[in-house]
Amino acid sequence: MDKYRNLHKWMIIPMVLMQLGIFMDYWGDFTDNAWSIHIHYWAGSIWYLFLVFQPYYATHGKMSIHRTNGIIGIFVAGGVGIGSLNMMYRDIKLVQISQANPGRFGPFNDWFFYGIAVVEMVMISAFMYAVIKSITQRKDLENHVWWLISTVFIIMLPALGRGIQFVQIVIEGFSPDLNVMTAIYLASFVIIVLTILTAIKYDKLRHPATFLVIAVNLFNCFLEPMGKSRAIQSVLETAIKG
């Protein structure tokens, strides 16, 4: 247990990166955000907070609180999953708006929103799988902890990617020629590096959860070809309807 005594401090780093990344995108137009966006943001934020406080309670003699919060955490994880799946409908709506009003979103064309829907589907599936594994292996401390930590890095891309895109737009301007994939590549790289460094620290480099995080973030780098695939577009339009 002493091995994870300072884990809560390390978990503050991805939480801060997540909040900085999403700050302008969420708070910049707070009153214009749809209800689903508010639910999605707060569910994700609370989950990150859980992964800061839970290790602290477990390693500082407060296991009763840890166990109680763990039950509540299942509810929160479900909210993160359902909220993320609900956001996919918003992605398809943005596709339709982009197609009806070419150039409205500048460099963000319809294929980008199709691609986002695909990677979100994979990310949330991996997230829920990791949560379930942490529950089924809750009596095995090493596996329980690492499966939960992996969820942080599995769902970090949307927030971190938006933050990097904001900086990119500030530097290069909101031009139709802006390479929107640059932020995706950079965010994925940062997440993989953070995952590997954390895995090395806790001797989990060869753990299945580590491989899952890396696989998901490498998959995210194929957002553009997937978003431009007519077959994938057709499947998304058929499956996701209002």
C-alpha atoms as a PDB file:
ATOM      1  CA  MET A   1       0.000   0.000   0.000  1.00  0.00           C
ATOM      2  CA  ASP A   2       2.922   2.359   0.720  1.00  0.00           C
ATOM      3  CA  LYS A   3       3.829   2.112  -2.966  1.00  0.00           C
ATOM      4  CA  TYR A   4       0.750   4.204  -3.789  1.00  0.00           C
ATOM      5  CA  ARG A   5       0.925   6.593  -0.841  1.00  0.00           C
ATOM      6  CA  ASN A   6       1.686   9.561  -3.121  1.00  0.00           C
ATOM      7  CA  LEU A   7      -0.405   8.404  -6.087  1.00  0.00           C
ATOM      8  CA  HIS A   8      -3.041  11.071  -5.395  1.00  0.00           C
ATOM      9  CA  LYS A   9      -0.416  13.755  -6.031  1.00  0.00           C
ATOM     10  CA  TRP A  10       0.500  12.241  -9.381  1.00  0.00           C
ATOM     11  CA  MET A  11      -3.168  12.076 -10.366  1.00  0.00           C
ATOM     12  CA  ILE A  12      -3.419  15.846  -9.942  1.00  0.00           C
ATOM     13  CA  ILE A  13      -1.219  16.268 -13.049  1.00  0.00           C
ATOM     14  CA  PRO A  14      -3.638  14.709 -15.600  1.00  0.00           C
ATOM     15  CA  MET A  15      -6.575  16.390 -13.853  1.00  0.00           C
ATOM     16  CA  VAL A  16      -4.954  19.809 -14.267  1.00  0.00           C
ATOM     17  CA  LEU A  17      -4.075  19.064 -17.909  1.00  0.00           C
ATOM     18  CA  MET A  18      -7.695  18.058 -18.527  1.00  0.00           C
ATOM     19  CA  GLN A  19      -9.076  21.222 -16.935  1.00  0.00           C
ATOM     20  CA  LEU A  20      -6.622  23.533 -18.700  1.00  0.00           C
ATOM     21  CA  GLY A  21      -7.340  21.847 -22.008  1.00  0.00           C
ATOM     22  CA  ILE A  22     -11.109  22.168 -21.784  1.00  0.00           C
ATOM     23  CA  PHE A  23     -11.177  25.543 -20.002  1.00  0.00           C
ATOM     24  CA  MET A  24     -11.798  27.909 -22.926  1.00  0.00           C
ATOM     25  CA  ASP A  25     -13.940  25.457 -24.873  1.00  0.00           C
ATOM     26  CA  TYR A  26     -16.303  24.966 -21.920  1.00  0.00           C
ATOM     27  CA  TRP A  27     -16.130  28.150 -19.865  1.00  0.00           C
ATOM     28  CA  GLY A  28     -15.557  30.434 -22.850  1.00  0.00           C
ATOM     29  CA  ASP A  29     -19.161  29.953 -23.996  1.00  0.00           C
ATOM     30  CA  PHE A  30     -20.640  28.522 -20.792  1.00  0.00           C
ATOM     31  CA  THR A  31     -24.162  29.934 -21.234  1.00  0.00           C
ATOM     32  CA  ASP A  32     -24.404  28.674 -24.825  1.00  0.00           C
ATOM     33  CA  ASN A  33     -23.520  25.085 -23.999  1.00  0.00           C
ATOM     34  CA  ALA A  34     -26.220  22.440 -24.316  1.00  0.00           C
ATOM     35  CA  TRP A  35     -27.346  20.534 -21.233  1.00  0.00           C
ATOM     36  CA  SER A  36     -25.615  17.370 -22.510  1.00  0.00           C
ATOM     37  CA  ILE A  37     -22.290  19.235 -22.600  1.00  0.00           C
ATOM     38  CA  HIS A  38     -22.684  20.376 -18.992  1.00  0.00           C
ATOM     39  CA  ILE A  39     -23.438  16.810 -17.869  1.00  0.00           C
ATOM     40  CA  HIS A  40     -20.497  15.487 -19.876  1.00  0.00           C
ATOM     41  CA  TYR A  41     -18.080  18.060 -18.441  1.00  0.00           C
ATOM     42  CA  TRP A  42     -19.076  17.673 -14.796  1.00  0.00           C
ATOM     43  CA  ALA A  43     -19.235  13.871 -14.900  1.00  0.00           C
ATOM     44  CA  GLY A  44     -15.722  13.754 -16.350  1.00  0.00           C
ATOM     45  CA  SER A  45     -14.424  16.319 -13.839  1.00  0.00           C
ATOM     46  CA  ILE A  46     -15.889  14.430 -10.887  1.00  0.00           C
ATOM     47  CA  TRP A  47     -14.340  11.193 -12.155  1.00  0.00           C
ATOM     48  CA  TYR A  48     -10.911  12.831 -12.276  1.00  0.00           C
ATOM     49  CA  LEU A  49     -11.433  14.108  -8.722  1.00  0.00           C
ATOM     50  CA  PHE A  50     -12.349  10.585  -7.623  1.00  0.00           C
ATOM     51  CA  LEU A  51      -9.021   9.351  -8.924  1.00  0.00           C
ATOM     52  CA  VAL A  52      -7.247  11.993  -6.839  1.00  0.00           C
ATOM     53  CA  PHE A  53      -9.095  11.429  -3.562  1.00  0.00           C
ATOM     54  CA  GLN A  54      -9.596   7.656  -3.698  1.00  0.00           C
ATOM     55  CA  PRO A  55      -5.862   6.779  -3.553  1.00  0.00           C
ATOM     56  CA  TYR A  56      -5.474   9.262  -0.691  1.00  0.00           C
ATOM     57  CA  TYR A  57      -8.253   7.672   1.355  1.00  0.00           C
ATOM     58  CA  ALA A  58      -6.957   4.143   0.671  1.00  0.00           C
ATOM     59  CA  THR A  59      -3.383   4.928   1.723  1.00  0.00           C
ATOM     60  CA  HIS A  60      -4.141   7.203   4.683  1.00  0.00           C
ATOM     61  CA  GLY A  61      -6.212   4.914   6.889  1.00  0.00           C
ATOM     62  CA  LYS A  62      -9.646   5.852   5.537  1.00  0.00           C
ATOM     63  CA  MET A  63     -10.686   2.627   3.821  1.00  0.00           C
ATOM     64  CA  SER A  64     -14.318   2.972   4.941  1.00  0.00           C
ATOM     65  CA  ILE A  65     -14.631   6.241   3.019  1.00  0.00           C
ATOM     66  CA  HIS A  66     -12.711   4.698   0.116  1.00  0.00           C
ATOM     67  CA  ARG A  67     -15.144   1.782  -0.151  1.00  0.00           C
ATOM     68  CA  THR A  68     -18.212   4.004   0.104  1.00  0.00           C
ATOM     69  CA  ASN A  69     -16.867   6.332  -2.576  1.00  0.00           C
ATOM     70  CA  GLY A  70     -16.056   3.311  -4.706  1.00  0.00           C
ATOM     71  CA  ILE A  71     -19.755   2.425  -4.865  1.00  0.00           C
ATOM     72  CA  ILE A  72     -20.607   6.029  -5.767  1.00  0.00           C
ATOM     73  CA  GLY A  73     -17.806   5.935  -8.323  1.00  0.00           C
ATOM     74  CA  ILE A  74     -19.593   3.187 -10.274  1.00  0.00           C
ATOM     75  CA  PHE A  75     -22.512   5.592 -10.722  1.00  0.00           C
ATOM     76  CA  VAL A  76     -20.153   8.391 -11.804  1.00  0.00           C
ATOM     77  CA  ALA A  77     -18.355   6.122 -14.281  1.00  0.00           C
ATOM     78  CA  GLY A  78     -21.715   5.211 -15.787  1.00  0.00           C
ATOM     79  CA  GLY A  79     -22.478   8.910 -16.131  1.00  0.00           C
ATOM     80  CA  VAL A  80     -19.180   9.470 -17.930  1.00  0.00           C
ATOM     81  CA  GLY A  81     -19.928   6.604 -20.302  1.00  0.00           C
ATOM     82  CA  ILE A  82     -23.520   7.523 -21.090  1.00  0.00           C
ATOM     83  CA  GLY A  83     -22.663  11.218 -21.332  1.00  0.00           C
ATOM     84  CA  SER A  84     -19.889  10.485 -23.819  1.00  0.00           C
ATOM     85  CA  LEU A  85     -22.109   8.261 -25.949  1.00  0.00           C
ATOM     86  CA  ASN A  86     -24.730  11.011 -25.964  1.00  0.00           C
ATOM     87  CA  MET A  87     -22.128  13.441 -27.333  1.00  0.00           C
ATOM     88  CA  MET A  88     -21.885  11.353 -30.487  1.00  0.00           C
ATOM     89  CA  TYR A  89     -25.287  12.631 -31.596  1.00  0.00           C
ATOM     90  CA  ARG A  90     -23.886  16.143 -31.273  1.00  0.00           C
ATOM     91  CA  ASP A  91     -21.012  15.121 -33.557  1.00  0.00           C
ATOM     92  CA  ILE A  92     -23.460  14.041 -36.265  1.00  0.00           C
ATOM     93  CA  LYS A  93     -25.426  17.282 -35.865  1.00  0.00           C
ATOM     94  CA  LEU A  94     -22.192  19.215 -36.392  1.00  0.00           C
ATOM     95  CA  VAL A  95     -21.594  17.149 -39.532  1.00  0.00           C
ATOM     96  CA  GLN A  96     -25.000  18.188 -40.852  1.00  0.00           C
ATOM     97  CA  ILE A  97     -24.434  21.855 -39.999  1.00  0.00           C
ATOM     98  CA  SER A  98     -21.000  21.765 -41.643  1.00  0.00           C
ATOM     99  CA  GLN A  99     -22.416  20.207 -44.808  1.00  0.00           C
ATOM    100  CA  ALA A 100     -25.281  22.720 -44.969  1.00  0.00           C
ATOM    101  CA  ASN A 101     -22.984  25.685 -44.262  1.00  0.00           C
ATOM    102  CA  PRO A 102     -19.542  25.012 -45.794  1.00  0.00           C
ATOM    103  CA  GLY A 103     -16.812  26.992 -44.073  1.00  0.00           C
ATOM    104  CA  ARG A 104     -18.855  27.751 -40.947  1.00  0.00           C
ATOM    105  CA  PHE A 105     -16.374  25.886 -38.745  1.00  0.00           C
ATOM    106  CA  GLY A 106     -13.317  27.042 -40.635  1.00  0.00           C
ATOM    107  CA  PRO A 107     -10.770  24.197 -40.885  1.00  0.00           C
ATOM    108  CA  PHE A 108     -13.098  21.755 -39.095  1.00  0.00           C
ATOM    109  CA  ASN A 109     -14.866  20.006 -41.957  1.00  0.00           C
ATOM    110  CA  ASP A 110     -17.518  17.292 -41.783  1.00  0.00           C
ATOM    111  CA  TRP A 111     -14.931  14.476 -41.871  1.00  0.00           C
ATOM    112  CA  PHE A 112     -13.422  15.797 -38.632  1.00  0.00           C
ATOM    113  CA  PHE A 113     -16.720  15.415 -36.756  1.00  0.00           C
ATOM    114  CA  TYR A 114     -17.261  11.949 -38.229  1.00  0.00           C
ATOM    115  CA  GLY A 115     -13.783  11.012 -37.027  1.00  0.00           C
ATOM    116  CA  ILE A 116     -14.429  12.420 -33.564  1.00  0.00           C
ATOM    117  CA  ALA A 117     -17.545  10.239 -33.277  1.00  0.00           C
ATOM    118  CA  VAL A 118     -15.500   7.133 -34.104  1.00  0.00           C
ATOM    119  CA  VAL A 119     -12.676   7.808 -31.644  1.00  0.00           C
ATOM    120  CA  GLU A 120     -15.171   8.748 -28.928  1.00  0.00           C
ATOM    121  CA  MET A 121     -16.905   5.410 -29.411  1.00  0.00           C
ATOM    122  CA  VAL A 122     -13.607   3.547 -29.033  1.00  0.00           C
ATOM    123  CA  MET A 123     -12.451   5.659 -26.084  1.00  0.00           C
ATOM    124  CA  ILE A 124     -15.630   5.212 -24.081  1.00  0.00           C
ATOM    125  CA  SER A 125     -15.728   1.463 -24.820  1.00  0.00           C
ATOM    126  CA  ALA A 126     -12.154   1.162 -23.547  1.00  0.00           C
ATOM    127  CA  PHE A 127     -13.006   3.352 -20.548  1.00  0.00           C
ATOM    128  CA  MET A 128     -15.955   1.184 -19.518  1.00  0.00           C
ATOM    129  CA  TYR A 129     -13.899  -1.984 -20.042  1.00  0.00           C
ATOM    130  CA  ALA A 130     -11.168  -0.621 -17.742  1.00  0.00           C
ATOM    131  CA  VAL A 131     -13.736   0.337 -15.100  1.00  0.00           C
ATOM    132  CA  ILE A 132     -15.291  -3.140 -15.214  1.00  0.00           C
ATOM    133  CA  LYS A 133     -11.840  -4.755 -14.930  1.00  0.00           C
ATOM    134  CA  SER A 134     -11.083  -2.587 -11.888  1.00  0.00           C
ATOM    135  CA  ILE A 135     -14.314  -3.812 -10.279  1.00  0.00           C
ATOM    136  CA  THR A 136     -13.812  -7.505 -11.053  1.00  0.00           C
ATOM    137  CA  GLN A 137     -10.219  -7.283  -9.770  1.00  0.00           C
ATOM    138  CA  ARG A 138     -10.951  -5.035  -6.781  1.00  0.00           C
ATOM    139  CA  LYS A 139      -9.417  -7.559  -4.361  1.00  0.00           C
ATOM    140  CA  ASP A 140      -6.149  -7.520  -6.299  1.00  0.00           C
ATOM    141  CA  LEU A 141      -4.637  -4.168  -5.324  1.00  0.00           C
ATOM    142  CA  GLU A 142      -2.084  -3.944  -8.141  1.00  0.00           C
ATOM    143  CA  ASN A 143      -4.596  -4.644 -10.909  1.00  0.00           C
ATOM    144  CA  HIS A 144      -7.433  -2.673  -9.316  1.00  0.00           C
ATOM    145  CA  VAL A 145      -5.312   0.454  -9.024  1.00  0.00           C
ATOM    146  CA  TRP A 146      -3.763   0.308 -12.467  1.00  0.00           C
ATOM    147  CA  TRP A 147      -7.004  -0.336 -14.333  1.00  0.00           C
ATOM    148  CA  LEU A 148      -8.476   2.745 -12.649  1.00  0.00           C
ATOM    149  CA  ILE A 149      -5.425   4.881 -13.411  1.00  0.00           C
ATOM    150  CA  SER A 150      -5.647   3.830 -17.055  1.00  0.00           C
ATOM    151  CA  THR A 151      -9.108   5.390 -17.373  1.00  0.00           C
ATOM    152  CA  VAL A 152      -7.539   8.826 -16.882  1.00  0.00           C
ATOM    153  CA  PHE A 153      -5.320   8.426 -19.931  1.00  0.00           C
ATOM    154  CA  ILE A 154      -7.973   6.676 -22.039  1.00  0.00           C
ATOM    155  CA  ILE A 155     -10.384   9.641 -21.999  1.00  0.00           C
ATOM    156  CA  MET A 156      -7.923  12.527 -21.827  1.00  0.00           C
ATOM    157  CA  LEU A 157      -7.707  13.270 -25.573  1.00  0.00           C
ATOM    158  CA  PRO A 158     -10.866  15.384 -26.086  1.00  0.00           C
ATOM    159  CA  ALA A 159      -9.946  17.888 -23.367  1.00  0.00           C
ATOM    160  CA  LEU A 160      -6.207  18.021 -24.027  1.00  0.00           C
ATOM    161  CA  GLY A 161      -6.733  18.075 -27.795  1.00  0.00           C
ATOM    162  CA  ARG A 162      -9.091  21.060 -27.557  1.00  0.00           C
ATOM    163  CA  GLY A 163      -6.580  22.913 -25.390  1.00  0.00           C
ATOM    164  CA  ILE A 164      -3.780  22.372 -27.893  1.00  0.00           C
ATOM    165  CA  GLN A 165      -6.077  23.355 -30.769  1.00  0.00           C
ATOM    166  CA  PHE A 166      -6.927  26.590 -28.941  1.00  0.00           C
ATOM    167  CA  VAL A 167      -3.227  27.441 -28.612  1.00  0.00           C
ATOM    168  CA  GLN A 168      -2.675  26.494 -32.253  1.00  0.00           C
ATOM    169  CA  ILE A 169      -5.485  28.804 -33.383  1.00  0.00           C
ATOM    170  CA  VAL A 170      -4.108  31.659 -31.268  1.00  0.00           C
ATOM    171  CA  ILE A 171      -0.695  31.216 -32.898  1.00  0.00           C
ATOM    172  CA  GLU A 172      -1.708  30.456 -36.496  1.00  0.00           C
ATOM    173  CA  GLY A 173      -5.147  32.076 -36.680  1.00  0.00           C
ATOM    174  CA  PHE A 174      -8.527  30.506 -37.431  1.00  0.00           C
ATOM    175  CA  SER A 175      -7.699  29.754 -41.040  1.00  0.00           C
ATOM    176  CA  PRO A 176      -9.334  27.175 -43.343  1.00  0.00           C
ATOM    177  CA  ASP A 177      -5.790  25.931 -43.994  1.00  0.00           C
ATOM    178  CA  LEU A 178      -5.161  25.118 -40.327  1.00  0.00           C
ATOM    179  CA  ASN A 179      -4.074  21.490 -39.903  1.00  0.00           C
ATOM    180  CA  VAL A 180      -6.616  20.274 -37.362  1.00  0.00           C
ATOM    181  CA  MET A 181      -4.832  16.945 -36.943  1.00  0.00           C
ATOM    182  CA  THR A 182      -1.711  18.542 -35.469  1.00  0.00           C
ATOM    183  CA  ALA A 183      -3.391  18.915 -32.067  1.00  0.00           C
ATOM    184  CA  ILE A 184      -4.671  15.323 -32.180  1.00  0.00           C
ATOM    185  CA  TYR A 185      -1.205  13.948 -32.914  1.00  0.00           C
ATOM    186  CA  LEU A 186       0.457  16.094 -30.252  1.00  0.00           C
ATOM    187  CA  ALA A 187      -2.168  15.350 -27.590  1.00  0.00           C
ATOM    188  CA  SER A 188      -1.959  11.607 -28.277  1.00  0.00           C
ATOM    189  CA  PHE A 189       1.840  11.756 -28.032  1.00  0.00           C
ATOM    190  CA  VAL A 190       1.710  13.615 -24.699  1.00  0.00           C
ATOM    191  CA  ILE A 191      -0.803  11.132 -23.280  1.00  0.00           C
ATOM    192  CA  ILE A 192       1.265   8.128 -24.356  1.00  0.00           C
ATOM    193  CA  VAL A 193       4.415   9.641 -22.829  1.00  0.00           C
ATOM    194  CA  LEU A 194       2.591  10.384 -19.545  1.00  0.00           C
ATOM    195  CA  THR A 195       1.211   6.839 -19.520  1.00  0.00           C
ATOM    196  CA  ILE A 196       4.622   5.274 -20.072  1.00  0.00           C
ATOM    197  CA  LEU A 197       6.290   7.441 -17.418  1.00  0.00           C
ATOM    198  CA  THR A 198       3.575   6.591 -14.886  1.00  0.00           C
ATOM    199  CA  ALA A 199       3.734   2.914 -15.834  1.00  0.00           C
ATOM    200  CA  ILE A 200       7.498   2.885 -15.303  1.00  0.00           C
ATOM    201  CA  LYS A 201       7.101   4.557 -11.905  1.00  0.00           C
ATOM    202  CA  TYR A 202       4.617   1.933 -10.718  1.00  0.00           C
ATOM    203  CA  ASP A 203       6.203  -1.001 -12.574  1.00  0.00           C
ATOM    204  CA  LYS A 204       3.215  -1.494 -14.895  1.00  0.00           C
ATOM    205  CA  LEU A 205       4.857  -1.073 -18.299  1.00  0.00           C
ATOM    206  CA  ARG A 206       3.779  -4.562 -19.405  1.00  0.00           C
ATOM    207  CA  HIS A 207       0.302  -4.421 -17.865  1.00  0.00           C
ATOM    208  CA  PRO A 208      -2.689  -4.986 -20.206  1.00  0.00           C
ATOM    209  CA  ALA A 209      -4.137  -1.619 -19.150  1.00  0.00           C
ATOM    210  CA  THR A 210      -0.965   0.134 -20.316  1.00  0.00           C
ATOM    211  CA  PHE A 211      -1.233  -1.567 -23.700  1.00  0.00           C
ATOM    212  CA  LEU A 212      -4.899  -0.580 -23.900  1.00  0.00           C
ATOM    213  CA  VAL A 213      -4.146   3.106 -23.265  1.00  0.00           C
ATOM    214  CA  ILE A 214      -1.382   3.168 -25.874  1.00  0.00           C
ATOM    215  CA  ALA A 215      -3.548   1.303 -28.406  1.00  0.00           C
ATOM    216  CA  VAL A 216      -6.474   3.704 -27.935  1.00  0.00           C
ATOM    217  CA  ASN A 217      -4.293   6.779 -28.348  1.00  0.00           C
ATOM    218  CA  LEU A 218      -2.552   5.372 -31.421  1.00  0.00           C
ATOM    219  CA  PHE A 219      -5.989   4.588 -32.834  1.00  0.00           C
ATOM    220  CA  ASN A 220      -6.985   8.233 -32.285  1.00  0.00           C
ATOM    221  CA  CYS A 221      -4.229   9.278 -34.697  1.00  0.00           C
ATOM    222  CA  PHE A 222      -6.213   7.661 -37.524  1.00  0.00           C
ATOM    223  CA  LEU A 223      -9.118  10.055 -37.002  1.00  0.00           C
ATOM    224  CA  GLU A 224      -8.714  11.655 -40.440  1.00  0.00           C
ATOM    225  CA  PRO A 225      -8.831   8.540 -42.674  1.00  0.00           C
ATOM    226  CA  MET A 226     -11.667   7.111 -40.579  1.00  0.00           C
ATOM    227  CA  GLY A 227     -13.601  10.379 -40.755  1.00  0.00           C
ATOM    228  CA  LYS A 228     -13.198  10.472 -44.536  1.00  0.00           C
ATOM    229  CA  SER A 229     -14.261   6.852 -45.028  1.00  0.00           C
ATOM    230  CA  ARG A 230     -17.639   6.737 -46.821  1.00  0.00           C
ATOM    231  CA  ALA A 231     -18.381   3.347 -45.289  1.00  0.00           C
ATOM    232  CA  ILE A 232     -17.816   4.634 -41.744  1.00  0.00           C
ATOM    233  CA  GLN A 233     -19.834   7.777 -42.449  1.00  0.00           C
ATOM    234  CA  SER A 234     -22.740   5.648 -43.661  1.00  0.00           C
ATOM    235  CA  VAL A 235     -22.640   3.445 -40.549  1.00  0.00           C
ATOM    236  CA  LEU A 236     -22.593   6.469 -38.237  1.00  0.00           C
ATOM    237  CA  GLU A 237     -25.471   8.176 -40.017  1.00  0.00           C
ATOM    238  CA  THR A 238     -27.523   4.973 -39.866  1.00  0.00           C
ATOM    239  CA  ALA A 239     -26.779   4.208 -36.215  1.00  0.00           C
ATOM    240  CA  ILE A 240     -26.862   7.671 -34.654  1.00  0.00           C
ATOM    241  CA  LYS A 241     -30.184   9.414 -35.085  1.00  0.00           C
ATOM    242  CA  GLY A 242     -32.078  12.023 -33.070  1.00  0.00           C
END
